[in-house]
Amino acid sequence: MPGKGKEVAQERIGRVGQRRQVVIPRELFEQTGMRQGGFVAFTREGGGVLVKPKRPVDADDVLTSEEGAAVKKAEREMRRGKYVTLDQLRDELDNPRTRSRRKTA
């Protein structure tokens, strides 16, 4: 049975303006969580173009693996009732410990 268990995509029609601006139908705009002034990604797919909402990521907001590990450790300790001060966290980030590996015979 066609369409069973699958979402049936209804085709919506928009308009291309003078400066290649495309009007996205309101229903699709709201369903995808787009916002005015937001970003979208375009991908050429088959004979058409796929448009997906995108949120740009600031490179300064991305943690290194060491920073991520320190944050996870702090979260675990906080759940156990142990608190880490900001100075302790900064010290751990500034002075990462090298993990010693066990030697196997």
PDB file of N, CA and C in Angstrom:
ATOM      1  N   MET A   1       0.834  -1.179   0.000  1.00  0.00           N
ATOM      2  CA  MET A   1       0.000   0.000   0.000  1.00  0.00           C
ATOM      3  C   MET A   1       0.875   1.237   0.000  1.00  0.00           C
ATOM      4  N   PRO A   2       0.782   2.030  -1.009  1.00  0.00           N
ATOM      5  CA  PRO A   2       1.624   3.211  -1.068  1.00  0.00           C
ATOM      6  C   PRO A   2       1.276   4.208   0.033  1.00  0.00           C
ATOM      7  N   GLY A   3       2.333   4.801   0.590  1.00  0.00           N
ATOM      8  CA  GLY A   3       2.159   5.830   1.593  1.00  0.00           C
ATOM      9  C   GLY A   3       1.958   5.316   3.006  1.00  0.00           C
ATOM     10  N   LYS A   4       1.838   3.997   3.193  1.00  0.00           N
ATOM     11  CA  LYS A   4       1.616   3.463   4.530  1.00  0.00           C
ATOM     12  C   LYS A   4       2.891   3.598   5.361  1.00  0.00           C
ATOM     13  N   GLY A   5       2.790   4.263   6.510  1.00  0.00           N
ATOM     14  CA  GLY A   5       3.941   4.430   7.387  1.00  0.00           C
ATOM     15  C   GLY A   5       4.886   5.541   6.963  1.00  0.00           C
ATOM     16  N   LYS A   6       4.592   6.190   5.853  1.00  0.00           N
ATOM     17  CA  LYS A   6       5.455   7.271   5.372  1.00  0.00           C
ATOM     18  C   LYS A   6       4.670   8.566   5.367  1.00  0.00           C
ATOM     19  N   GLU A   7       5.393   9.655   5.600  1.00  0.00           N
ATOM     20  CA  GLU A   7       4.772  10.966   5.533  1.00  0.00           C
ATOM     21  C   GLU A   7       4.644  11.337   4.065  1.00  0.00           C
ATOM     22  N   VAL A   8       3.439  11.677   3.665  1.00  0.00           N
ATOM     23  CA  VAL A   8       3.209  12.065   2.276  1.00  0.00           C
ATOM     24  C   VAL A   8       3.490  13.556   2.161  1.00  0.00           C
ATOM     25  N   ALA A   9       4.445  13.902   1.305  1.00  0.00           N
ATOM     26  CA  ALA A   9       4.828  15.299   1.116  1.00  0.00           C
ATOM     27  C   ALA A   9       3.863  15.962   0.151  1.00  0.00           C
ATOM     28  N   GLN A  10       3.233  17.037   0.607  1.00  0.00           N
ATOM     29  CA  GLN A  10       2.368  17.790  -0.275  1.00  0.00           C
ATOM     30  C   GLN A  10       3.199  18.865  -0.937  1.00  0.00           C
ATOM     31  N   GLU A  11       3.015  19.001  -2.220  1.00  0.00           N
ATOM     32  CA  GLU A  11       3.767  20.013  -2.954  1.00  0.00           C
ATOM     33  C   GLU A  11       3.166  21.380  -2.704  1.00  0.00           C
ATOM     34  N   ARG A  12       4.011  22.319  -2.374  1.00  0.00           N
ATOM     35  CA  ARG A  12       3.600  23.702  -2.178  1.00  0.00           C
ATOM     36  C   ARG A  12       4.315  24.540  -3.233  1.00  0.00           C
ATOM     37  N   ILE A  13       3.676  25.589  -3.656  1.00  0.00           N
ATOM     38  CA  ILE A  13       4.256  26.419  -4.705  1.00  0.00           C
ATOM     39  C   ILE A  13       4.566  27.799  -4.143  1.00  0.00           C
ATOM     40  N   GLY A  14       5.778  28.266  -4.423  1.00  0.00           N
ATOM     41  CA  GLY A  14       6.207  29.604  -4.040  1.00  0.00           C
ATOM     42  C   GLY A  14       6.515  30.390  -5.296  1.00  0.00           C
ATOM     43  N   ARG A  15       6.995  31.598  -5.140  1.00  0.00           N
ATOM     44  CA  ARG A  15       7.277  32.445  -6.285  1.00  0.00           C
ATOM     45  C   ARG A  15       8.705  32.957  -6.205  1.00  0.00           C
ATOM     46  N   VAL A  16       9.374  33.052  -7.355  1.00  0.00           N
ATOM     47  CA  VAL A  16      10.718  33.614  -7.433  1.00  0.00           C
ATOM     48  C   VAL A  16      10.572  35.083  -7.833  1.00  0.00           C
ATOM     49  N   GLY A  17      11.156  35.964  -7.002  1.00  0.00           N
ATOM     50  CA  GLY A  17      11.058  37.404  -7.250  1.00  0.00           C
ATOM     51  C   GLY A  17      12.165  37.912  -8.152  1.00  0.00           C
ATOM     52  N   GLN A  18      12.216  39.245  -8.305  1.00  0.00           N
ATOM     53  CA  GLN A  18      13.165  39.892  -9.201  1.00  0.00           C
ATOM     54  C   GLN A  18      14.620  39.556  -8.890  1.00  0.00           C
ATOM     55  N   ARG A  19      14.968  39.512  -7.629  1.00  0.00           N
ATOM     56  CA  ARG A  19      16.362  39.274  -7.247  1.00  0.00           C
ATOM     57  C   ARG A  19      16.594  37.833  -6.798  1.00  0.00           C
ATOM     58  N   ARG A  20      15.925  36.899  -7.434  1.00  0.00           N
ATOM     59  CA  ARG A  20      16.038  35.466  -7.114  1.00  0.00           C
ATOM     60  C   ARG A  20      15.538  35.148  -5.711  1.00  0.00           C
ATOM     61  N   GLN A  21      14.745  36.025  -5.131  1.00  0.00           N
ATOM     62  CA  GLN A  21      14.179  35.768  -3.814  1.00  0.00           C
ATOM     63  C   GLN A  21      13.018  34.799  -3.960  1.00  0.00           C
ATOM     64  N   VAL A  22      12.978  33.826  -3.056  1.00  0.00           N
ATOM     65  CA  VAL A  22      11.936  32.815  -3.119  1.00  0.00           C
ATOM     66  C   VAL A  22      11.027  32.971  -1.903  1.00  0.00           C
ATOM     67  N   VAL A  23       9.738  32.938  -2.132  1.00  0.00           N
ATOM     68  CA  VAL A  23       8.764  33.010  -1.050  1.00  0.00           C
ATOM     69  C   VAL A  23       8.460  31.585  -0.607  1.00  0.00           C
ATOM     70  N   ILE A  24       8.723  31.306   0.670  1.00  0.00           N
ATOM     71  CA  ILE A  24       8.453  29.980   1.229  1.00  0.00           C
ATOM     72  C   ILE A  24       7.048  30.010   1.818  1.00  0.00           C
ATOM     73  N   PRO A  25       6.202  29.066   1.436  1.00  0.00           N
ATOM     74  CA  PRO A  25       4.848  29.049   1.986  1.00  0.00           C
ATOM     75  C   PRO A  25       4.864  29.051   3.520  1.00  0.00           C
ATOM     76  N   ARG A  26       3.986  29.810   4.125  1.00  0.00           N
ATOM     77  CA  ARG A  26       3.942  30.009   5.570  1.00  0.00           C
ATOM     78  C   ARG A  26       3.923  28.686   6.336  1.00  0.00           C
ATOM     79  N   GLU A  27       3.112  27.755   5.906  1.00  0.00           N
ATOM     80  CA  GLU A  27       2.979  26.464   6.601  1.00  0.00           C
ATOM     81  C   GLU A  27       4.328  25.748   6.695  1.00  0.00           C
ATOM     82  N   LEU A  28       5.053  25.690   5.588  1.00  0.00           N
ATOM     83  CA  LEU A  28       6.367  25.041   5.592  1.00  0.00           C
ATOM     84  C   LEU A  28       7.375  25.846   6.408  1.00  0.00           C
ATOM     85  N   PHE A  29       7.288  27.144   6.311  1.00  0.00           N
ATOM     86  CA  PHE A  29       8.178  28.037   7.060  1.00  0.00           C
ATOM     87  C   PHE A  29       8.046  27.780   8.555  1.00  0.00           C
ATOM     88  N   GLU A  30       6.805  27.700   9.035  1.00  0.00           N
ATOM     89  CA  GLU A  30       6.561  27.480  10.460  1.00  0.00           C
ATOM     90  C   GLU A  30       6.902  26.057  10.889  1.00  0.00           C
ATOM     91  N   GLN A  31       6.565  25.069  10.071  1.00  0.00           N
ATOM     92  CA  GLN A  31       6.830  23.668  10.412  1.00  0.00           C
ATOM     93  C   GLN A  31       8.320  23.374  10.537  1.00  0.00           C
ATOM     94  N   THR A  32       9.143  24.066   9.771  1.00  0.00           N
ATOM     95  CA  THR A  32      10.589  23.809   9.805  1.00  0.00           C
ATOM     96  C   THR A  32      11.313  24.650  10.837  1.00  0.00           C
ATOM     97  N   GLY A  33      10.590  25.520  11.540  1.00  0.00           N
ATOM     98  CA  GLY A  33      11.212  26.331  12.577  1.00  0.00           C
ATOM     99  C   GLY A  33      12.059  27.471  12.037  1.00  0.00           C
ATOM    100  N   MET A  34      11.821  27.853  10.800  1.00  0.00           N
ATOM    101  CA  MET A  34      12.574  28.968  10.230  1.00  0.00           C
ATOM    102  C   MET A  34      12.138  30.270  10.876  1.00  0.00           C
ATOM    103  N   ARG A  35      13.037  31.248  10.817  1.00  0.00           N
ATOM    104  CA  ARG A  35      12.742  32.583  11.342  1.00  0.00           C
ATOM    105  C   ARG A  35      13.179  33.617  10.324  1.00  0.00           C
ATOM    106  N   GLN A  36      12.507  34.747  10.349  1.00  0.00           N
ATOM    107  CA  GLN A  36      12.887  35.835   9.456  1.00  0.00           C
ATOM    108  C   GLN A  36      14.319  36.245   9.766  1.00  0.00           C
ATOM    109  N   GLY A  37      15.139  36.370   8.731  1.00  0.00           N
ATOM    110  CA  GLY A  37      16.543  36.720   8.913  1.00  0.00           C
ATOM    111  C   GLY A  37      17.419  35.510   9.163  1.00  0.00           C
ATOM    112  N   GLY A  38      16.813  34.318   9.252  1.00  0.00           N
ATOM    113  CA  GLY A  38      17.575  33.098   9.478  1.00  0.00           C
ATOM    114  C   GLY A  38      18.325  32.668   8.230  1.00  0.00           C
ATOM    115  N   PHE A  39      19.112  31.625   8.375  1.00  0.00           N
ATOM    116  CA  PHE A  39      19.912  31.111   7.266  1.00  0.00           C
ATOM    117  C   PHE A  39      19.328  29.813   6.744  1.00  0.00           C
ATOM    118  N   VAL A  40      19.550  29.562   5.458  1.00  0.00           N
ATOM    119  CA  VAL A  40      19.150  28.306   4.835  1.00  0.00           C
ATOM    120  C   VAL A  40      20.313  27.775   4.009  1.00  0.00           C
ATOM    121  N   ALA A  41      20.351  26.460   3.859  1.00  0.00           N
ATOM    122  CA  ALA A  41      21.372  25.814   3.030  1.00  0.00           C
ATOM    123  C   ALA A  41      20.691  25.288   1.775  1.00  0.00           C
ATOM    124  N   PHE A  42      21.363  25.418   0.660  1.00  0.00           N
ATOM    125  CA  PHE A  42      20.838  24.951  -0.614  1.00  0.00           C
ATOM    126  C   PHE A  42      21.690  23.799  -1.115  1.00  0.00           C
ATOM    127  N   THR A  43      21.035  22.731  -1.562  1.00  0.00           N
ATOM    128  CA  THR A  43      21.729  21.577  -2.119  1.00  0.00           C
ATOM    129  C   THR A  43      21.053  21.197  -3.426  1.00  0.00           C
ATOM    130  N   ARG A  44      21.858  21.024  -4.455  1.00  0.00           N
ATOM    131  CA  ARG A  44      21.301  20.581  -5.728  1.00  0.00           C
ATOM    132  C   ARG A  44      21.027  19.093  -5.610  1.00  0.00           C
ATOM    133  N   GLU A  45      19.794  18.699  -5.838  1.00  0.00           N
ATOM    134  CA  GLU A  45      19.410  17.299  -5.666  1.00  0.00           C
ATOM    135  C   GLU A  45      18.523  16.888  -6.838  1.00  0.00           C
ATOM    136  N   GLY A  46      19.014  15.944  -7.613  1.00  0.00           N
ATOM    137  CA  GLY A  46      18.254  15.514  -8.780  1.00  0.00           C
ATOM    138  C   GLY A  46      18.029  16.679  -9.717  1.00  0.00           C
ATOM    139  N   GLY A  47      16.778  16.908 -10.069  1.00  0.00           N
ATOM    140  CA  GLY A  47      16.452  18.022 -10.963  1.00  0.00           C
ATOM    141  C   GLY A  47      15.986  19.251 -10.215  1.00  0.00           C
ATOM    142  N   GLY A  48      16.228  19.305  -8.896  1.00  0.00           N
ATOM    143  CA  GLY A  48      15.736  20.438  -8.134  1.00  0.00           C
ATOM    144  C   GLY A  48      16.731  20.928  -7.100  1.00  0.00           C
ATOM    145  N   VAL A  49      16.233  21.717  -6.173  1.00  0.00           N
ATOM    146  CA  VAL A  49      17.055  22.299  -5.116  1.00  0.00           C
ATOM    147  C   VAL A  49      16.397  21.991  -3.779  1.00  0.00           C
ATOM    148  N   LEU A  50      17.179  21.467  -2.858  1.00  0.00           N
ATOM    149  CA  LEU A  50      16.718  21.192  -1.502  1.00  0.00           C
ATOM    150  C   LEU A  50      17.110  22.381  -0.628  1.00  0.00           C
ATOM    151  N   VAL A  51      16.147  22.917   0.118  1.00  0.00           N
ATOM    152  CA  VAL A  51      16.388  24.064   0.998  1.00  0.00           C
ATOM    153  C   VAL A  51      16.190  23.590   2.433  1.00  0.00           C
ATOM    154  N   LYS A  52      17.240  23.772   3.276  1.00  0.00           N
ATOM    155  CA  LYS A  52      17.153  23.356   4.678  1.00  0.00           C
ATOM    156  C   LYS A  52      17.515  24.521   5.584  1.00  0.00           C
ATOM    157  N   PRO A  53      16.785  24.674   6.692  1.00  0.00           N
ATOM    158  CA  PRO A  53      17.159  25.727   7.641  1.00  0.00           C
ATOM    159  C   PRO A  53      18.500  25.396   8.274  1.00  0.00           C
ATOM    160  N   LYS A  54      19.325  26.404   8.488  1.00  0.00           N
ATOM    161  CA  LYS A  54      20.653  26.218   9.091  1.00  0.00           C
ATOM    162  C   LYS A  54      20.868  27.245  10.180  1.00  0.00           C
ATOM    163  N   ARG A  55      21.569  26.820  11.207  1.00  0.00           N
ATOM    164  CA  ARG A  55      21.987  27.746  12.261  1.00  0.00           C
ATOM    165  C   ARG A  55      23.496  27.793  12.236  1.00  0.00           C
ATOM    166  N   PRO A  56      24.059  28.951  11.933  1.00  0.00           N
ATOM    167  CA  PRO A  56      25.519  29.035  11.891  1.00  0.00           C
ATOM    168  C   PRO A  56      26.100  28.859  13.292  1.00  0.00           C
ATOM    169  N   VAL A  57      27.248  28.228  13.362  1.00  0.00           N
ATOM    170  CA  VAL A  57      27.933  27.988  14.630  1.00  0.00           C
ATOM    171  C   VAL A  57      29.163  28.872  14.680  1.00  0.00           C
ATOM    172  N   ASP A  58      29.291  29.595  15.765  1.00  0.00           N
ATOM    173  CA  ASP A  58      30.455  30.443  15.971  1.00  0.00           C
ATOM    174  C   ASP A  58      31.613  29.546  16.396  1.00  0.00           C
ATOM    175  N   ALA A  59      32.748  29.646  15.730  1.00  0.00           N
ATOM    176  CA  ALA A  59      33.904  28.800  16.041  1.00  0.00           C
ATOM    177  C   ALA A  59      34.354  28.969  17.486  1.00  0.00           C
ATOM    178  N   ASP A  60      34.100  30.136  18.079  1.00  0.00           N
ATOM    179  CA  ASP A  60      34.475  30.360  19.472  1.00  0.00           C
ATOM    180  C   ASP A  60      33.581  29.598  20.443  1.00  0.00           C
ATOM    181  N   ASP A  61      32.410  29.142  19.980  1.00  0.00           N
ATOM    182  CA  ASP A  61      31.480  28.420  20.845  1.00  0.00           C
ATOM    183  C   ASP A  61      31.721  26.914  20.854  1.00  0.00           C
ATOM    184  N   VAL A  62      32.670  26.430  20.079  1.00  0.00           N
ATOM    185  CA  VAL A  62      32.939  25.003  19.995  1.00  0.00           C
ATOM    186  C   VAL A  62      34.060  24.647  20.971  1.00  0.00           C
ATOM    187  N   LEU A  63      33.814  23.629  21.800  1.00  0.00           N
ATOM    188  CA  LEU A  63      34.804  23.211  22.786  1.00  0.00           C
ATOM    189  C   LEU A  63      35.803  22.234  22.177  1.00  0.00           C
ATOM    190  N   THR A  64      37.042  22.306  22.659  1.00  0.00           N
ATOM    191  CA  THR A  64      38.016  21.289  22.285  1.00  0.00           C
ATOM    192  C   THR A  64      37.671  20.025  23.051  1.00  0.00           C
ATOM    193  N   SER A  65      38.278  18.900  22.694  1.00  0.00           N
ATOM    194  CA  SER A  65      37.976  17.650  23.391  1.00  0.00           C
ATOM    195  C   SER A  65      38.365  17.732  24.865  1.00  0.00           C
ATOM    196  N   GLU A  66      39.472  18.424  25.162  1.00  0.00           N
ATOM    197  CA  GLU A  66      39.896  18.568  26.561  1.00  0.00           C
ATOM    198  C   GLU A  66      38.903  19.423  27.346  1.00  0.00           C
ATOM    199  N   GLU A  67      38.434  20.513  26.722  1.00  0.00           N
ATOM    200  CA  GLU A  67      37.466  21.374  27.386  1.00  0.00           C
ATOM    201  C   GLU A  67      36.156  20.628  27.615  1.00  0.00           C
ATOM    202  N   GLY A  68      35.723  19.871  26.609  1.00  0.00           N
ATOM    203  CA  GLY A  68      34.495  19.091  26.736  1.00  0.00           C
ATOM    204  C   GLY A  68      34.590  18.069  27.855  1.00  0.00           C
ATOM    205  N   ALA A  69      35.762  17.401  27.977  1.00  0.00           N
ATOM    206  CA  ALA A  69      35.964  16.421  29.034  1.00  0.00           C
ATOM    207  C   ALA A  69      35.914  17.083  30.405  1.00  0.00           C
ATOM    208  N   ALA A  70      36.495  18.271  30.520  1.00  0.00           N
ATOM    209  CA  ALA A  70      36.488  18.987  31.798  1.00  0.00           C
ATOM    210  C   ALA A  70      35.066  19.399  32.179  1.00  0.00           C
ATOM    211  N   VAL A  71      34.281  19.823  31.213  1.00  0.00           N
ATOM    212  CA  VAL A  71      32.902  20.217  31.484  1.00  0.00           C
ATOM    213  C   VAL A  71      32.087  18.998  31.914  1.00  0.00           C
ATOM    214  N   LYS A  72      32.255  17.869  31.234  1.00  0.00           N
ATOM    215  CA  LYS A  72      31.539  16.644  31.607  1.00  0.00           C
ATOM    216  C   LYS A  72      31.908  16.196  33.012  1.00  0.00           C
ATOM    217  N   LYS A  73      33.198  16.290  33.332  1.00  0.00           N
ATOM    218  CA  LYS A  73      33.651  15.916  34.677  1.00  0.00           C
ATOM    219  C   LYS A  73      32.985  16.811  35.714  1.00  0.00           C
ATOM    220  N   ALA A  74      32.943  18.099  35.444  1.00  0.00           N
ATOM    221  CA  ALA A  74      32.324  19.041  36.374  1.00  0.00           C
ATOM    222  C   ALA A  74      30.830  18.745  36.541  1.00  0.00           C
ATOM    223  N   GLU A  75      30.157  18.400  35.451  1.00  0.00           N
ATOM    224  CA  GLU A  75      28.735  18.074  35.528  1.00  0.00           C
ATOM    225  C   GLU A  75      28.511  16.831  36.379  1.00  0.00           C
ATOM    226  N   ARG A  76      29.364  15.802  36.196  1.00  0.00           N
ATOM    227  CA  ARG A  76      29.248  14.576  37.011  1.00  0.00           C
ATOM    228  C   ARG A  76      29.425  14.893  38.485  1.00  0.00           C
ATOM    229  N   GLU A  77      30.429  15.693  38.796  1.00  0.00           N
ATOM    230  CA  GLU A  77      30.700  16.038  40.192  1.00  0.00           C
ATOM    231  C   GLU A  77      29.562  16.860  40.789  1.00  0.00           C
ATOM    232  N   MET A  78      28.980  17.742  40.011  1.00  0.00           N
ATOM    233  CA  MET A  78      27.870  18.545  40.514  1.00  0.00           C
ATOM    234  C   MET A  78      26.665  17.667  40.823  1.00  0.00           C
ATOM    235  N   ARG A  79      26.407  16.649  39.966  1.00  0.00           N
ATOM    236  CA  ARG A  79      25.299  15.735  40.226  1.00  0.00           C
ATOM    237  C   ARG A  79      25.525  14.949  41.513  1.00  0.00           C
ATOM    238  N   ARG A  80      26.775  14.695  41.855  1.00  0.00           N
ATOM    239  CA  ARG A  80      27.114  13.964  43.088  1.00  0.00           C
ATOM    240  C   ARG A  80      27.164  14.884  44.305  1.00  0.00           C
ATOM    241  N   GLY A  81      26.910  16.155  44.099  1.00  0.00           N
ATOM    242  CA  GLY A  81      26.934  17.094  45.204  1.00  0.00           C
ATOM    243  C   GLY A  81      28.283  17.757  45.398  1.00  0.00           C
ATOM    244  N   LYS A  82      29.234  17.447  44.539  1.00  0.00           N
ATOM    245  CA  LYS A  82      30.543  18.091  44.601  1.00  0.00           C
ATOM    246  C   LYS A  82      30.515  19.276  43.644  1.00  0.00           C
ATOM    247  N   TYR A  83      31.054  20.376  44.096  1.00  0.00           N
ATOM    248  CA  TYR A  83      31.041  21.571  43.264  1.00  0.00           C
ATOM    249  C   TYR A  83      32.454  21.947  42.866  1.00  0.00           C
ATOM    250  N   VAL A  84      32.574  22.436  41.660  1.00  0.00           N
ATOM    251  CA  VAL A  84      33.857  22.877  41.129  1.00  0.00           C
ATOM    252  C   VAL A  84      33.776  24.384  40.963  1.00  0.00           C
ATOM    253  N   THR A  85      34.720  25.071  41.529  1.00  0.00           N
ATOM    254  CA  THR A  85      34.711  26.528  41.366  1.00  0.00           C
ATOM    255  C   THR A  85      35.201  26.883  39.971  1.00  0.00           C
ATOM    256  N   LEU A  86      34.918  28.082  39.563  1.00  0.00           N
ATOM    257  CA  LEU A  86      35.363  28.550  38.256  1.00  0.00           C
ATOM    258  C   LEU A  86      36.890  28.571  38.187  1.00  0.00           C
ATOM    259  N   ASP A  87      37.531  28.950  39.285  1.00  0.00           N
ATOM    260  CA  ASP A  87      39.005  28.946  39.314  1.00  0.00           C
ATOM    261  C   ASP A  87      39.565  27.541  39.135  1.00  0.00           C
ATOM    262  N   GLN A  88      38.913  26.540  39.754  1.00  0.00           N
ATOM    263  CA  GLN A  88      39.372  25.162  39.602  1.00  0.00           C
ATOM    264  C   GLN A  88      39.210  24.693  38.158  1.00  0.00           C
ATOM    265  N   LEU A  89      38.088  25.052  37.561  1.00  0.00           N
ATOM    266  CA  LEU A  89      37.852  24.666  36.178  1.00  0.00           C
ATOM    267  C   LEU A  89      38.862  25.322  35.247  1.00  0.00           C
ATOM    268  N   ARG A  90      39.119  26.600  35.461  1.00  0.00           N
ATOM    269  CA  ARG A  90      40.114  27.305  34.633  1.00  0.00           C
ATOM    270  C   ARG A  90      41.496  26.692  34.808  1.00  0.00           C
ATOM    271  N   ASP A  91      41.846  26.336  36.048  1.00  0.00           N
ATOM    272  CA  ASP A  91      43.138  25.711  36.313  1.00  0.00           C
ATOM    273  C   ASP A  91      43.259  24.381  35.565  1.00  0.00           C
ATOM    274  N   GLU A  92      42.178  23.601  35.575  1.00  0.00           N
ATOM    275  CA  GLU A  92      42.198  22.306  34.884  1.00  0.00           C
ATOM    276  C   GLU A  92      42.303  22.488  33.372  1.00  0.00           C
ATOM    277  N   LEU A  93      41.646  23.523  32.846  1.00  0.00           N
ATOM    278  CA  LEU A  93      41.735  23.781  31.408  1.00  0.00           C
ATOM    279  C   LEU A  93      43.124  24.285  31.015  1.00  0.00           C
ATOM    280  N   ASP A  94      43.722  25.104  31.888  1.00  0.00           N
ATOM    281  CA  ASP A  94      45.048  25.650  31.596  1.00  0.00           C
ATOM    282  C   ASP A  94      46.161  24.622  31.776  1.00  0.00           C
ATOM    283  N   ASN A  95      45.953  23.644  32.644  1.00  0.00           N
ATOM    284  CA  ASN A  95      46.970  22.634  32.946  1.00  0.00           C
ATOM    285  C   ASN A  95      46.403  21.232  32.758  1.00  0.00           C
ATOM    286  N   PRO A  96      46.161  20.838  31.500  1.00  0.00           N
ATOM    287  CA  PRO A  96      45.579  19.505  31.287  1.00  0.00           C
ATOM    288  C   PRO A  96      46.553  18.414  31.720  1.00  0.00           C
ATOM    289  N   ARG A  97      45.998  17.411  32.361  1.00  0.00           N
ATOM    290  CA  ARG A  97      46.818  16.281  32.807  1.00  0.00           C
ATOM    291  C   ARG A  97      46.900  15.275  31.671  1.00  0.00           C
ATOM    292  N   THR A  98      48.073  14.710  31.515  1.00  0.00           N
ATOM    293  CA  THR A  98      48.211  13.660  30.510  1.00  0.00           C
ATOM    294  C   THR A  98      47.803  12.362  31.161  1.00  0.00           C
ATOM    295  N   ARG A  99      47.039  11.587  30.448  1.00  0.00           N
ATOM    296  CA  ARG A  99      46.577  10.307  30.970  1.00  0.00           C
ATOM    297  C   ARG A  99      47.655   9.275  30.720  1.00  0.00           C
ATOM    298  N   SER A 100      47.982   8.544  31.763  1.00  0.00           N
ATOM    299  CA  SER A 100      48.969   7.472  31.595  1.00  0.00           C
ATOM    300  C   SER A 100      48.227   6.223  31.138  1.00  0.00           C
ATOM    301  N   ARG A 101      48.829   5.543  30.212  1.00  0.00           N
ATOM    302  CA  ARG A 101      48.199   4.337  29.668  1.00  0.00           C
ATOM    303  C   ARG A 101      48.808   3.126  30.347  1.00  0.00           C
ATOM    304  N   ARG A 102      47.967   2.158  30.577  1.00  0.00           N
ATOM    305  CA  ARG A 102      48.433   0.936  31.204  1.00  0.00           C
ATOM    306  C   ARG A 102      49.211   0.116  30.186  1.00  0.00           C
ATOM    307  N   LYS A 103      50.303  -0.410  30.648  1.00  0.00           N
ATOM    308  CA  LYS A 103      51.090  -1.272  29.782  1.00  0.00           C
ATOM    309  C   LYS A 103      50.552  -2.692  29.891  1.00  0.00           C
ATOM    310  N   THR A 104      50.431  -3.332  28.759  1.00  0.00           N
ATOM    311  CA  THR A 104      49.965  -4.716  28.766  1.00  0.00           C
ATOM    312  C   THR A 104      51.127  -5.635  28.467  1.00  0.00           C
ATOM    313  N   ALA A 105      51.049  -6.798  29.047  1.00  0.00           N
ATOM    314  CA  ALA A 105      52.130  -7.766  28.867  1.00  0.00           C
ATOM    315  C   ALA A 105      52.034  -8.488  27.552  1.00  0.00           C
TER     316      ALA A 105
END
